[in-house]
C-alpha atoms as a PDB file:
ATOM      1  CA  MET A   1      11.461 -38.409  45.734  1.00  0.00           C
ATOM      2  CA  ASN A   2       8.762 -38.651  48.331  1.00  0.00           C
ATOM      3  CA  LEU A   3       5.238 -38.549  47.033  1.00  0.00           C
ATOM      4  CA  ILE A   4       2.985 -36.202  48.967  1.00  0.00           C
ATOM      5  CA  GLU A   5      -0.456 -37.669  49.520  1.00  0.00           C
ATOM      6  CA  THR A   6      -3.246 -35.127  49.174  1.00  0.00           C
ATOM      7  CA  LYS A   7      -6.410 -35.718  51.102  1.00  0.00           C
ATOM      8  CA  GLY A   8      -9.753 -35.330  49.400  1.00  0.00           C
ATOM      9  CA  ARG A   9     -12.161 -32.680  50.546  1.00  0.00           C
ATOM     10  CA  SER A  10     -14.738 -33.397  53.207  1.00  0.00           C
ATOM     11  CA  LEU A  11     -18.277 -34.043  51.988  1.00  0.00           C
ATOM     12  CA  THR A  12     -21.373 -33.469  54.088  1.00  0.00           C
ATOM     13  CA  PHE A  13     -24.363 -35.712  53.433  1.00  0.00           C
ATOM     14  CA  ASN A  14     -27.770 -34.803  54.827  1.00  0.00           C
ATOM     15  CA  ILE A  15     -29.782 -38.002  54.508  1.00  0.00           C
ATOM     16  CA  PHE A  16     -33.472 -38.621  55.141  1.00  0.00           C
ATOM     17  CA  ARG A  17     -33.923 -41.367  57.734  1.00  0.00           C
ATOM     18  CA  TYR A  18     -37.181 -43.110  58.612  1.00  0.00           C
ATOM     19  CA  ASP A  19     -38.098 -46.758  59.040  1.00  0.00           C
ATOM     20  CA  PRO A  20     -41.907 -47.211  58.914  1.00  0.00           C
ATOM     21  CA  GLN A  21     -41.479 -50.758  60.226  1.00  0.00           C
ATOM     22  CA  GLU A  22     -39.854 -49.565  63.438  1.00  0.00           C
ATOM     23  CA  ALA A  23     -42.355 -48.612  66.113  1.00  0.00           C
ATOM     24  CA  GLY A  24     -41.961 -45.044  67.328  1.00  0.00           C
ATOM     25  CA  ASP A  25     -39.528 -44.001  64.612  1.00  0.00           C
ATOM     26  CA  LYS A  26     -40.074 -40.529  63.135  1.00  0.00           C
ATOM     27  CA  PRO A  27     -38.809 -38.918  59.899  1.00  0.00           C
ATOM     28  CA  LYS A  28     -35.599 -36.957  60.387  1.00  0.00           C
ATOM     29  CA  MET A  29     -32.506 -35.720  58.592  1.00  0.00           C
ATOM     30  CA  VAL A  30     -29.152 -37.161  59.702  1.00  0.00           C
ATOM     31  CA  LYS A  31     -25.807 -35.574  58.826  1.00  0.00           C
ATOM     32  CA  TYR A  32     -22.741 -37.623  57.830  1.00  0.00           C
ATOM     33  CA  GLN A  33     -19.162 -36.612  56.965  1.00  0.00           C
ATOM     34  CA  ILE A  34     -17.031 -38.516  54.482  1.00  0.00           C
ATOM     35  CA  GLU A  35     -13.771 -37.901  52.633  1.00  0.00           C
ATOM     36  CA  GLU A  36     -14.151 -37.585  48.877  1.00  0.00           C
ATOM     37  CA  THR A  37     -12.131 -39.866  46.609  1.00  0.00           C
ATOM     38  CA  PRO A  38     -11.366 -39.455  42.872  1.00  0.00           C
ATOM     39  CA  GLY A  39     -14.315 -40.426  40.699  1.00  0.00           C
ATOM     40  CA  MET A  40     -16.626 -40.839  43.674  1.00  0.00           C
ATOM     41  CA  THR A  41     -20.334 -41.142  42.959  1.00  0.00           C
ATOM     42  CA  VAL A  42     -23.189 -40.703  45.412  1.00  0.00           C
ATOM     43  CA  PHE A  43     -23.669 -44.461  45.208  1.00  0.00           C
ATOM     44  CA  ILE A  44     -20.047 -45.107  46.247  1.00  0.00           C
ATOM     45  CA  ALA A  45     -20.360 -42.625  49.094  1.00  0.00           C
ATOM     46  CA  LEU A  46     -23.526 -44.301  50.376  1.00  0.00           C
ATOM     47  CA  ASN A  47     -21.851 -47.701  50.376  1.00  0.00           C
ATOM     48  CA  MET A  48     -18.883 -46.301  52.302  1.00  0.00           C
ATOM     49  CA  LEU A  49     -21.222 -44.689  54.830  1.00  0.00           C
ATOM     50  CA  ARG A  50     -23.142 -47.922  55.322  1.00  0.00           C
ATOM     51  CA  GLU A  51     -19.962 -49.981  55.619  1.00  0.00           C
ATOM     52  CA  HIS A  52     -18.000 -47.723  57.955  1.00  0.00           C
ATOM     53  CA  GLN A  53     -20.457 -45.438  59.758  1.00  0.00           C
ATOM     54  CA  ASP A  54     -24.057 -46.672  59.824  1.00  0.00           C
ATOM     55  CA  THR A  55     -24.983 -50.219  58.847  1.00  0.00           C
ATOM     56  CA  SER A  56     -28.702 -49.465  59.249  1.00  0.00           C
ATOM     57  CA  LEU A  57     -28.768 -47.034  56.301  1.00  0.00           C
ATOM     58  CA  GLN A  58     -31.293 -48.256  53.718  1.00  0.00           C
ATOM     59  CA  PHE A  59     -31.011 -47.660  49.968  1.00  0.00           C
ATOM     60  CA  ASP A  60     -31.257 -49.809  46.850  1.00  0.00           C
ATOM     61  CA  PHE A  61     -28.756 -50.801  44.187  1.00  0.00           C
ATOM     62  CA  VAL A  62     -28.074 -53.698  41.830  1.00  0.00           C
ATOM     63  CA  CYS A  63     -26.012 -52.920  38.729  1.00  0.00           C
ATOM     64  CA  ARG A  64     -24.009 -49.792  39.658  1.00  0.00           C
ATOM     65  CA  ALA A  65     -24.038 -48.852  35.944  1.00  0.00           C
ATOM     66  CA  GLY A  66     -27.283 -46.940  35.359  1.00  0.00           C
ATOM     67  CA  ILE A  67     -29.044 -49.991  33.926  1.00  0.00           C
ATOM     68  CA  CYS A  68     -31.252 -51.366  36.712  1.00  0.00           C
ATOM     69  CA  GLY A  69     -32.681 -48.044  37.931  1.00  0.00           C
ATOM     70  CA  SER A  70     -32.679 -49.237  41.550  1.00  0.00           C
ATOM     71  CA  CYS A  71     -30.636 -46.404  43.080  1.00  0.00           C
ATOM     72  CA  ALA A  72     -32.938 -43.573  42.022  1.00  0.00           C
ATOM     73  CA  MET A  73     -33.381 -40.900  44.693  1.00  0.00           C
ATOM     74  CA  VAL A  74     -33.724 -37.143  45.052  1.00  0.00           C
ATOM     75  CA  ILE A  75     -30.267 -35.550  45.144  1.00  0.00           C
ATOM     76  CA  ASN A  76     -30.179 -31.872  46.070  1.00  0.00           C
ATOM     77  CA  GLY A  77     -33.772 -31.483  44.960  1.00  0.00           C
ATOM     78  CA  LEU A  78     -33.573 -33.369  41.655  1.00  0.00           C
ATOM     79  CA  PRO A  79     -34.586 -37.017  41.105  1.00  0.00           C
ATOM     80  CA  THR A  80     -31.798 -39.010  39.435  1.00  0.00           C
ATOM     81  CA  LEU A  81     -29.622 -42.131  39.735  1.00  0.00           C
ATOM     82  CA  ALA A  82     -27.046 -42.187  42.535  1.00  0.00           C
ATOM     83  CA  CYS A  83     -24.659 -44.397  40.543  1.00  0.00           C
ATOM     84  CA  ARG A  84     -24.443 -41.817  37.741  1.00  0.00           C
ATOM     85  CA  THR A  85     -24.072 -38.752  39.951  1.00  0.00           C
ATOM     86  CA  LEU A  86     -20.517 -37.617  40.689  1.00  0.00           C
ATOM     87  CA  THR A  87     -19.893 -35.894  44.010  1.00  0.00           C
ATOM     88  CA  LYS A  88     -17.504 -33.478  42.266  1.00  0.00           C
ATOM     89  CA  ASN A  89     -20.555 -31.907  40.617  1.00  0.00           C
ATOM     90  CA  TYR A  90     -21.350 -30.270  43.967  1.00  0.00           C
ATOM     91  CA  PRO A  91     -18.640 -27.658  44.558  1.00  0.00           C
ATOM     92  CA  LYS A  92     -19.887 -26.771  48.038  1.00  0.00           C
ATOM     93  CA  GLY A  93     -19.523 -30.390  49.140  1.00  0.00           C
ATOM     94  CA  GLU A  94     -23.011 -30.506  50.649  1.00  0.00           C
ATOM     95  CA  ILE A  95     -25.392 -33.172  49.352  1.00  0.00           C
ATOM     96  CA  THR A  96     -28.959 -33.747  50.535  1.00  0.00           C
ATOM     97  CA  LEU A  97     -30.579 -37.104  49.804  1.00  0.00           C
ATOM     98  CA  MET A  98     -34.314 -37.817  49.920  1.00  0.00           C
ATOM     99  CA  PRO A  99     -36.409 -40.801  48.771  1.00  0.00           C
ATOM    100  CA  LEU A 100     -38.385 -40.554  45.535  1.00  0.00           C
ATOM    101  CA  PRO A 101     -41.837 -39.070  46.182  1.00  0.00           C
ATOM    102  CA  GLY A 102     -44.881 -40.832  44.760  1.00  0.00           C
ATOM    103  CA  PHE A 103     -43.873 -44.337  45.839  1.00  0.00           C
ATOM    104  CA  GLU A 104     -44.416 -46.482  48.913  1.00  0.00           C
ATOM    105  CA  LEU A 105     -41.537 -45.917  51.338  1.00  0.00           C
ATOM    106  CA  ILE A 106     -39.677 -49.036  52.443  1.00  0.00           C
ATOM    107  CA  GLY A 107     -37.160 -47.214  54.609  1.00  0.00           C
ATOM    108  CA  ASP A 108     -34.785 -44.223  54.410  1.00  0.00           C
ATOM    109  CA  LEU A 109     -33.951 -43.844  50.684  1.00  0.00           C
ATOM    110  CA  SER A 110     -35.546 -47.127  49.602  1.00  0.00           C
ATOM    111  CA  VAL A 111     -38.951 -47.021  47.861  1.00  0.00           C
ATOM    112  CA  ASN A 112     -41.094 -49.749  46.294  1.00  0.00           C
ATOM    113  CA  THR A 113     -40.958 -48.870  42.587  1.00  0.00           C
ATOM    114  CA  GLY A 114     -41.561 -52.526  41.664  1.00  0.00           C
ATOM    115  CA  LYS A 115     -45.056 -52.514  43.149  1.00  0.00           C
ATOM    116  CA  PHE A 116     -45.937 -49.348  41.248  1.00  0.00           C
ATOM    117  CA  MET A 117     -44.589 -50.674  37.932  1.00  0.00           C
ATOM    118  CA  ARG A 118     -46.450 -53.976  38.290  1.00  0.00           C
ATOM    119  CA  GLU A 119     -49.755 -52.246  39.039  1.00  0.00           C
ATOM    120  CA  LEU A 120     -49.174 -49.908  36.088  1.00  0.00           C
ATOM    121  CA  ALA A 121     -48.474 -52.833  33.739  1.00  0.00           C
ATOM    122  CA  GLU A 122     -51.671 -54.587  34.824  1.00  0.00           C
ATOM    123  CA  ARG A 123     -53.715 -51.397  34.508  1.00  0.00           C
ATOM    124  CA  LEU A 124     -52.470 -50.510  31.001  1.00  0.00           C
ATOM    125  CA  LYS A 125     -51.984 -54.121  29.843  1.00  0.00           C
ATOM    126  CA  LEU A 126     -48.350 -53.471  28.959  1.00  0.00           C
ATOM    127  CA  TRP A 127     -47.633 -56.628  27.015  1.00  0.00           C
ATOM    128  CA  LEU A 128     -47.849 -57.618  23.362  1.00  0.00           C
ATOM    129  CA  HIS A 129     -51.324 -58.518  22.104  1.00  0.00           C
ATOM    130  CA  PRO A 130     -50.462 -60.640  19.045  1.00  0.00           C
ATOM    131  CA  MET A 131     -52.406 -60.475  15.816  1.00  0.00           C
ATOM    132  CA  SER A 132     -53.073 -64.196  15.891  1.00  0.00           C
ATOM    133  CA  GLU A 133     -53.849 -66.505  18.769  1.00  0.00           C
ATOM    134  CA  ASP A 134     -52.115 -69.302  16.899  1.00  0.00           C
ATOM    135  CA  ALA A 135     -49.644 -70.881  19.326  1.00  0.00           C
ATOM    136  CA  ASP A 136     -47.735 -72.871  16.733  1.00  0.00           C
ATOM    137  CA  VAL A 137     -44.145 -72.811  18.002  1.00  0.00           C
ATOM    138  CA  HIS A 138     -42.875 -74.048  14.651  1.00  0.00           C
ATOM    139  CA  ARG A 139     -44.203 -71.036  12.756  1.00  0.00           C
ATOM    140  CA  LEU A 140     -41.566 -68.446  11.864  1.00  0.00           C
ATOM    141  CA  GLU A 141     -41.839 -65.126  13.633  1.00  0.00           C
ATOM    142  CA  THR A 142     -43.168 -62.278  11.499  1.00  0.00           C
ATOM    143  CA  PRO A 143     -40.180 -60.280  10.198  1.00  0.00           C
ATOM    144  CA  MET A 144     -39.770 -56.647  11.278  1.00  0.00           C
ATOM    145  CA  SER A 145     -38.078 -53.840   9.397  1.00  0.00           C
ATOM    146  CA  PRO A 146     -34.841 -52.454  10.878  1.00  0.00           C
ATOM    147  CA  GLN A 147     -36.466 -49.007  11.103  1.00  0.00           C
ATOM    148  CA  GLU A 148     -39.349 -50.308  13.213  1.00  0.00           C
ATOM    149  CA  ALA A 149     -37.016 -52.363  15.382  1.00  0.00           C
ATOM    150  CA  ALA A 150     -34.887 -49.269  16.048  1.00  0.00           C
ATOM    151  CA  LYS A 151     -37.951 -47.287  17.159  1.00  0.00           C
ATOM    152  CA  LEU A 152     -39.039 -50.046  19.530  1.00  0.00           C
ATOM    153  CA  TYR A 153     -35.527 -50.444  20.935  1.00  0.00           C
ATOM    154  CA  GLU A 154     -35.376 -46.730  21.736  1.00  0.00           C
ATOM    155  CA  LEU A 155     -38.529 -46.984  23.860  1.00  0.00           C
ATOM    156  CA  ASP A 156     -37.464 -50.282  25.415  1.00  0.00           C
ATOM    157  CA  ARG A 157     -34.435 -48.579  27.000  1.00  0.00           C
ATOM    158  CA  CYS A 158     -36.593 -47.478  29.946  1.00  0.00           C
ATOM    159  CA  VAL A 159     -35.109 -48.910  33.175  1.00  0.00           C
ATOM    160  CA  GLU A 160     -38.238 -48.237  35.284  1.00  0.00           C
ATOM    161  CA  CYS A 161     -36.274 -46.129  37.756  1.00  0.00           C
ATOM    162  CA  GLY A 162     -39.296 -43.978  38.634  1.00  0.00           C
ATOM    163  CA  VAL A 163     -37.470 -40.661  38.138  1.00  0.00           C
ATOM    164  CA  CYS A 164     -40.049 -39.414  35.605  1.00  0.00           C
ATOM    165  CA  VAL A 165     -42.849 -40.235  38.043  1.00  0.00           C
ATOM    166  CA  SER A 166     -41.261 -38.253  40.871  1.00  0.00           C
ATOM    167  CA  ALA A 167     -40.420 -35.346  38.543  1.00  0.00           C
ATOM    168  CA  CYS A 168     -44.001 -35.088  37.244  1.00  0.00           C
ATOM    169  CA  ALA A 169     -46.098 -32.358  38.866  1.00  0.00           C
ATOM    170  CA  THR A 170     -49.311 -33.831  37.452  1.00  0.00           C
ATOM    171  CA  LYS A 171     -48.537 -37.229  38.984  1.00  0.00           C
ATOM    172  CA  GLN A 172     -47.842 -35.662  42.368  1.00  0.00           C
ATOM    173  CA  MET A 173     -51.184 -33.839  42.257  1.00  0.00           C
ATOM    174  CA  ARG A 174     -53.283 -36.668  40.810  1.00  0.00           C
ATOM    175  CA  GLU A 175     -52.372 -40.189  41.848  1.00  0.00           C
ATOM    176  CA  SER A 176     -54.490 -41.785  39.082  1.00  0.00           C
ATOM    177  CA  PHE A 177     -52.390 -40.136  36.335  1.00  0.00           C
ATOM    178  CA  VAL A 178     -50.478 -42.845  34.433  1.00  0.00           C
ATOM    179  CA  GLY A 179     -47.340 -40.728  34.097  1.00  0.00           C
ATOM    180  CA  ALA A 180     -44.695 -40.569  31.405  1.00  0.00           C
ATOM    181  CA  VAL A 181     -43.436 -44.097  32.043  1.00  0.00           C
ATOM    182  CA  GLY A 182     -46.906 -45.529  31.371  1.00  0.00           C
ATOM    183  CA  MET A 183     -47.385 -43.582  28.151  1.00  0.00           C
ATOM    184  CA  MET A 184     -43.839 -44.368  27.000  1.00  0.00           C
ATOM    185  CA  LYS A 185     -44.448 -48.087  27.416  1.00  0.00           C
ATOM    186  CA  LEU A 186     -47.869 -47.914  25.775  1.00  0.00           C
ATOM    187  CA  ALA A 187     -46.402 -46.007  22.814  1.00  0.00           C
ATOM    188  CA  ARG A 188     -43.970 -48.880  22.370  1.00  0.00           C
ATOM    189  CA  PHE A 189     -46.852 -51.289  21.704  1.00  0.00           C
ATOM    190  CA  GLU A 190     -48.821 -48.770  19.628  1.00  0.00           C
ATOM    191  CA  LEU A 191     -45.796 -48.588  17.292  1.00  0.00           C
ATOM    192  CA  ASP A 192     -45.396 -52.384  17.167  1.00  0.00           C
ATOM    193  CA  SER A 193     -46.912 -53.773  13.955  1.00  0.00           C
ATOM    194  CA  ARG A 194     -47.349 -57.157  15.654  1.00  0.00           C
ATOM    195  CA  ASP A 195     -49.793 -55.745  18.221  1.00  0.00           C
ATOM    196  CA  SER A 196     -53.467 -56.250  17.401  1.00  0.00           C
ATOM    197  CA  ARG A 197     -54.845 -53.317  19.413  1.00  0.00           C
ATOM    198  CA  THR A 198     -56.428 -50.433  17.527  1.00  0.00           C
ATOM    199  CA  THR A 199     -56.378 -46.688  18.178  1.00  0.00           C
ATOM    200  CA  GLU A 200     -59.796 -47.104  19.793  1.00  0.00           C
ATOM    201  CA  ASP A 201     -58.392 -49.695  22.195  1.00  0.00           C
ATOM    202  CA  PHE A 202     -55.608 -47.338  23.271  1.00  0.00           C
ATOM    203  CA  TYR A 203     -58.046 -44.424  23.511  1.00  0.00           C
ATOM    204  CA  HIS A 204     -60.100 -46.246  26.129  1.00  0.00           C
ATOM    205  CA  VAL A 205     -56.935 -46.641  28.209  1.00  0.00           C
ATOM    206  CA  ILE A 206     -55.221 -43.233  27.967  1.00  0.00           C
ATOM    207  CA  GLY A 207     -57.593 -40.936  26.047  1.00  0.00           C
ATOM    208  CA  ASN A 208     -58.588 -38.995  29.168  1.00  0.00           C
ATOM    209  CA  GLN A 209     -57.288 -36.685  31.907  1.00  0.00           C
ATOM    210  CA  ASP A 210     -55.475 -39.597  33.555  1.00  0.00           C
ATOM    211  CA  GLY A 211     -53.670 -40.196  30.267  1.00  0.00           C
ATOM    212  CA  VAL A 212     -52.368 -38.057  27.423  1.00  0.00           C
ATOM    213  CA  PHE A 213     -54.834 -35.190  27.925  1.00  0.00           C
ATOM    214  CA  GLY A 214     -53.857 -34.762  31.575  1.00  0.00           C
ATOM    215  CA  CYS A 215     -50.189 -34.006  30.874  1.00  0.00           C
ATOM    216  CA  MET A 216     -49.399 -30.322  31.540  1.00  0.00           C
ATOM    217  CA  THR A 217     -46.198 -30.460  29.427  1.00  0.00           C
ATOM    218  CA  LEU A 218     -43.944 -29.166  32.207  1.00  0.00           C
ATOM    219  CA  LEU A 219     -41.105 -31.381  30.873  1.00  0.00           C
ATOM    220  CA  GLY A 220     -40.136 -32.788  34.274  1.00  0.00           C
ATOM    221  CA  CYS A 221     -39.940 -36.285  32.779  1.00  0.00           C
ATOM    222  CA  GLN A 222     -37.910 -35.131  29.775  1.00  0.00           C
ATOM    223  CA  ASP A 223     -35.493 -32.988  31.793  1.00  0.00           C
ATOM    224  CA  ASN A 224     -34.718 -35.575  34.474  1.00  0.00           C
ATOM    225  CA  CYS A 225     -34.789 -38.940  32.665  1.00  0.00           C
ATOM    226  CA  PRO A 226     -31.338 -40.528  33.240  1.00  0.00           C
ATOM    227  CA  LYS A 227     -31.604 -42.433  29.947  1.00  0.00           C
ATOM    228  CA  ASP A 228     -32.571 -39.322  27.911  1.00  0.00           C
ATOM    229  CA  LEU A 229     -35.702 -40.993  26.555  1.00  0.00           C
ATOM    230  CA  PRO A 230     -38.025 -38.970  24.248  1.00  0.00           C
ATOM    231  CA  HIS A 231     -40.921 -38.744  26.708  1.00  0.00           C
ATOM    232  CA  MET A 232     -42.514 -35.587  25.324  1.00  0.00           C
ATOM    233  CA  GLN A 233     -42.162 -36.779  21.738  1.00  0.00           C
ATOM    234  CA  GLN A 234     -44.078 -39.951  22.524  1.00  0.00           C
ATOM    235  CA  ILE A 235     -46.709 -38.194  24.649  1.00  0.00           C
ATOM    236  CA  ALA A 236     -47.290 -35.713  21.803  1.00  0.00           C
ATOM    237  CA  TYR A 237     -47.473 -38.612  19.323  1.00  0.00           C
ATOM    238  CA  LEU A 238     -50.100 -40.424  21.388  1.00  0.00           C
ATOM    239  CA  ARG A 239     -52.030 -37.195  21.987  1.00  0.00           C
ATOM    240  CA  ARG A 240     -52.257 -36.555  18.234  1.00  0.00           C
ATOM    241  CA  LYS A 241     -53.359 -40.129  17.603  1.00  0.00           C
ATOM    242  CA  MET A 242     -56.044 -39.914  20.270  1.00  0.00           C
ATOM    243  CA  ALA A 243     -57.263 -36.455  19.157  1.00  0.00           C
ATOM    244  CA  MET A 244     -57.536 -37.463  15.498  1.00  0.00           C
ATOM    245  CA  ALA A 245     -59.169 -40.823  16.181  1.00  0.00           C
ATOM    246  CA  GLN A 246     -62.618 -41.294  14.640  1.00  0.00           C
ATOM    247  CA  PHE A 247     -64.659 -44.154  16.003  1.00  0.00           C
END
């Protein structure tokens, strides 16, 4: 019996192209055609396009498994991860790709999320402030309850993809707003019993319109987070803590 090979449908990709390092280059949309394969993701399609059609196409990736957050981009109007987006989810076969807004553009679909995350960490001091300055390496680490560890692990699942930043209307309107990723990471240390900072310390960092009181609760971060993190739960938690604080 002869097996009849069935060809996949044709996909049309409309991709934003612009290289700020190239003199005279201007932003434009470029159309590409590619044949769909079973289980194809947007990430796979982009790699095929770069390998077989246009080697100059710029986009980021590392893990291909939704862990590194590098391949975040705007796909048909929604910010998400290319490696977790199946092309079969678009029945019309037309896919438009844009870079994440709110970040420095490197080129085409590549943005500098690392620079943003580093500046955010320095601004909010996103590291553990231990109770004791004792640097005795022989001292046993303070034990933590399984319940507390589970809460911290949940917030530590953030992959810093930048999707919540691009999906946040407040962040797009006010650049100084810390965004959901900043408050999520700060909540992680506020919940950590090993951290020496008080509610007053956190209030001076996010107890303003650039922090928890600036969030308009439009749920862009919650609706688009590829890791399904509880952004609004943590923002509401911090907002209550800040509102009830008495100094």
